[in-house]
C-alpha cells in the first residue's frame, strides 16, 4: 500500500506542473496541450514529455526515500569521489535546505 501511495504522489507533481503550463498558455484543447508541452522542456513537445518523465522519476524518489536521505547520500557520494570535506561543507552551506538538515549533513560528513 505504501508503494502505491508513493507512486500516486510521484505522479502528482508532474501533473501539477503540466496543469500550470496549460493554464499559462491561455489556450484551450489540443493547442493548449501542444503549447504547454513545448514550453516545459527543450526540443518542443518531445522534450516536454521527456521533462515530465524525469520529474516523475525524481518525485517518486523523493517520496520514497525522503529529502534527508537523498541529500545525505549525495554528500557521501561526493566524498567517495574525492572531494575534500571543506569543499563539501561549502556546498552544504549553499543548499536550499533547513538549518537542521544542514547540521545533520555536517554531522554525517564528520562520520565519513
C-alpha atoms as a PDB file:
ATOM      1  CA  UNK A   1       0.000   0.000   0.000  1.00  0.00           C
ATOM      2  CA  UNK A   2       2.887   2.335   0.815  1.00  0.00           C
ATOM      3  CA  UNK A   3       4.407   1.754  -2.645  1.00  0.00           C
ATOM      4  CA  UNK A   4       1.116   2.637  -4.322  1.00  0.00           C
ATOM      5  CA  UNK A   5       0.848   5.844  -2.303  1.00  0.00           C
ATOM      6  CA  UNK A   6       4.384   6.889  -3.276  1.00  0.00           C
ATOM      7  CA  UNK A   7       3.641   6.226  -6.974  1.00  0.00           C
ATOM      8  CA  UNK A   8       0.476   8.342  -6.836  1.00  0.00           C
ATOM      9  CA  UNK A   9       2.314  11.138  -5.027  1.00  0.00           C
ATOM     10  CA  UNK A  10       5.087  10.940  -7.608  1.00  0.00           C
ATOM     11  CA  UNK A  11       2.612  11.400 -10.433  1.00  0.00           C
ATOM     12  CA  UNK A  12       1.002  14.384  -8.750  1.00  0.00           C
ATOM     13  CA  UNK A  13       3.978  16.734  -9.152  1.00  0.00           C
ATOM     14  CA  UNK A  14       4.295  16.412 -12.957  1.00  0.00           C
ATOM     15  CA  UNK A  15       0.522  16.712 -13.230  1.00  0.00           C
ATOM     16  CA  UNK A  16       0.577  19.995 -11.329  1.00  0.00           C
ATOM     17  CA  UNK A  17       3.414  21.323 -13.481  1.00  0.00           C
ATOM     18  CA  UNK A  18       1.561  20.324 -16.650  1.00  0.00           C
ATOM     19  CA  UNK A  19      -1.695  21.905 -15.424  1.00  0.00           C
ATOM     20  CA  UNK A  20       0.107  25.165 -14.617  1.00  0.00           C
ATOM     21  CA  UNK A  21       1.763  25.170 -18.034  1.00  0.00           C
ATOM     22  CA  UNK A  22      -1.590  24.634 -19.754  1.00  0.00           C
ATOM     23  CA  UNK A  23      -3.229  27.446 -17.802  1.00  0.00           C
ATOM     24  CA  UNK A  24      -0.319  29.755 -18.630  1.00  0.00           C
ATOM     25  CA  UNK A  25      -0.797  29.275 -22.380  1.00  0.00           C
ATOM     26  CA  UNK A  26      -4.183  30.961 -22.430  1.00  0.00           C
ATOM     27  CA  UNK A  27      -5.354  28.414 -24.986  1.00  0.00           C
ATOM     28  CA  UNK A  28      -7.875  25.574 -24.852  1.00  0.00           C
ATOM     29  CA  UNK A  29      -7.942  21.993 -26.078  1.00  0.00           C
ATOM     30  CA  UNK A  30      -5.205  20.441 -28.202  1.00  0.00           C
ATOM     31  CA  UNK A  31      -3.381  23.740 -28.851  1.00  0.00           C
ATOM     32  CA  UNK A  32      -3.050  24.242 -25.077  1.00  0.00           C
ATOM     33  CA  UNK A  33      -1.548  20.778 -24.621  1.00  0.00           C
ATOM     34  CA  UNK A  34       0.854  21.284 -27.528  1.00  0.00           C
ATOM     35  CA  UNK A  35       1.958  24.707 -26.339  1.00  0.00           C
ATOM     36  CA  UNK A  36       2.345  23.537 -22.723  1.00  0.00           C
ATOM     37  CA  UNK A  37       4.499  20.545 -23.648  1.00  0.00           C
ATOM     38  CA  UNK A  38       6.643  22.698 -25.926  1.00  0.00           C
ATOM     39  CA  UNK A  39       7.100  25.254 -23.139  1.00  0.00           C
ATOM     40  CA  UNK A  40       8.014  22.725 -20.429  1.00  0.00           C
ATOM     41  CA  UNK A  41      11.042  21.124 -21.999  1.00  0.00           C
ATOM     42  CA  UNK A  42      13.765  21.733 -24.550  1.00  0.00           C
ATOM     43  CA  UNK A  43      13.160  20.482 -28.056  1.00  0.00           C
ATOM     44  CA  UNK A  44       9.440  21.059 -28.371  1.00  0.00           C
ATOM     45  CA  UNK A  45       6.752  18.584 -27.401  1.00  0.00           C
ATOM     46  CA  UNK A  46       9.090  15.590 -27.203  1.00  0.00           C
ATOM     47  CA  UNK A  47      11.332  17.484 -24.814  1.00  0.00           C
ATOM     48  CA  UNK A  48       8.324  18.428 -22.698  1.00  0.00           C
ATOM     49  CA  UNK A  49       7.232  14.803 -22.445  1.00  0.00           C
ATOM     50  CA  UNK A  50      10.779  13.764 -21.522  1.00  0.00           C
ATOM     51  CA  UNK A  51      10.986  16.515 -18.897  1.00  0.00           C
ATOM     52  CA  UNK A  52       7.729  15.377 -17.306  1.00  0.00           C
ATOM     53  CA  UNK A  53       9.090  11.810 -17.256  1.00  0.00           C
ATOM     54  CA  UNK A  54      12.256  12.900 -15.481  1.00  0.00           C
ATOM     55  CA  UNK A  55      10.231  14.946 -12.998  1.00  0.00           C
ATOM     56  CA  UNK A  56       8.102  11.851 -12.324  1.00  0.00           C
ATOM     57  CA  UNK A  57      11.171   9.740 -11.553  1.00  0.00           C
ATOM     58  CA  UNK A  58      12.659  12.420  -9.305  1.00  0.00           C
ATOM     59  CA  UNK A  59       9.451  13.000  -7.386  1.00  0.00           C
ATOM     60  CA  UNK A  60       8.958   9.239  -6.895  1.00  0.00           C
ATOM     61  CA  UNK A  61      12.459   9.032  -5.447  1.00  0.00           C
ATOM     62  CA  UNK A  62      11.782  11.934  -3.136  1.00  0.00           C
ATOM     63  CA  UNK A  63       8.531  10.464  -1.867  1.00  0.00           C
ATOM     64  CA  UNK A  64      10.060   7.007  -1.339  1.00  0.00           C
ATOM     65  CA  UNK A  65      13.338   7.999   0.303  1.00  0.00           C
ATOM     66  CA  UNK A  66      12.775  11.466   1.649  1.00  0.00           C
ATOM     67  CA  UNK A  67      14.809  14.596   1.092  1.00  0.00           C
ATOM     68  CA  UNK A  68      17.066  13.972   4.104  1.00  0.00           C
ATOM     69  CA  UNK A  69      18.311  10.604   2.918  1.00  0.00           C
ATOM     70  CA  UNK A  70      18.848  11.831  -0.646  1.00  0.00           C
ATOM     71  CA  UNK A  71      20.961  14.798   0.492  1.00  0.00           C
ATOM     72  CA  UNK A  72      22.888  12.534   2.877  1.00  0.00           C
ATOM     73  CA  UNK A  73      23.609  10.094   0.054  1.00  0.00           C
ATOM     74  CA  UNK A  74      24.781  12.936  -2.189  1.00  0.00           C
ATOM     75  CA  UNK A  75      27.197  14.184   0.484  1.00  0.00           C
ATOM     76  CA  UNK A  76      28.617  10.682   0.991  1.00  0.00           C
ATOM     77  CA  UNK A  77      28.996  10.181  -2.769  1.00  0.00           C
ATOM     78  CA  UNK A  78      30.805  13.495  -3.167  1.00  0.00           C
ATOM     79  CA  UNK A  79      33.286  12.374  -0.515  1.00  0.00           C
ATOM     80  CA  UNK A  80      33.724   8.968  -2.190  1.00  0.00           C
ATOM     81  CA  UNK A  81      34.517  10.694  -5.465  1.00  0.00           C
ATOM     82  CA  UNK A  82      37.422  12.508  -3.854  1.00  0.00           C
ATOM     83  CA  UNK A  83      36.067  15.923  -2.949  1.00  0.00           C
ATOM     84  CA  UNK A  84      37.556  17.450   0.163  1.00  0.00           C
ATOM     85  CA  UNK A  85      35.443  17.881   3.269  1.00  0.00           C
ATOM     86  CA  UNK A  86      35.953  21.650   3.049  1.00  0.00           C
ATOM     87  CA  UNK A  87      34.512  21.866  -0.473  1.00  0.00           C
ATOM     88  CA  UNK A  88      31.571  19.670   0.509  1.00  0.00           C
ATOM     89  CA  UNK A  89      30.918  21.880   3.545  1.00  0.00           C
ATOM     90  CA  UNK A  90      30.827  24.937   1.259  1.00  0.00           C
ATOM     91  CA  UNK A  91      28.280  23.154  -0.943  1.00  0.00           C
ATOM     92  CA  UNK A  92      26.172  22.218   2.069  1.00  0.00           C
ATOM     93  CA  UNK A  93      26.008  25.872   3.118  1.00  0.00           C
ATOM     94  CA  UNK A  94      24.668  26.778  -0.345  1.00  0.00           C
ATOM     95  CA  UNK A  95      21.964  24.063  -0.350  1.00  0.00           C
ATOM     96  CA  UNK A  96      18.423  25.487  -0.140  1.00  0.00           C
ATOM     97  CA  UNK A  97      17.511  23.374   2.902  1.00  0.00           C
ATOM     98  CA  UNK A  98      16.708  23.956   6.552  1.00  0.00           C
ATOM     99  CA  UNK A  99      19.360  24.690   9.163  1.00  0.00           C
ATOM    100  CA  UNK A 100      18.623  21.407  10.906  1.00  0.00           C
ATOM    101  CA  UNK A 101      19.234  19.432   7.703  1.00  0.00           C
ATOM    102  CA  UNK A 102      22.477  21.334   7.109  1.00  0.00           C
ATOM    103  CA  UNK A 103      23.559  20.419  10.647  1.00  0.00           C
ATOM    104  CA  UNK A 104      22.676  16.770  10.027  1.00  0.00           C
ATOM    105  CA  UNK A 105      24.661  16.788   6.767  1.00  0.00           C
ATOM    106  CA  UNK A 106      27.704  18.290   8.503  1.00  0.00           C
ATOM    107  CA  UNK A 107      27.465  15.572  11.176  1.00  0.00           C
ATOM    108  CA  UNK A 108      27.239  12.854   8.525  1.00  0.00           C
ATOM    109  CA  UNK A 109      30.286  14.282   6.778  1.00  0.00           C
ATOM    110  CA  UNK A 110      32.269  14.112  10.013  1.00  0.00           C
ATOM    111  CA  UNK A 111      31.393  10.406  10.371  1.00  0.00           C
ATOM    112  CA  UNK A 112      32.791   9.577   6.920  1.00  0.00           C
END
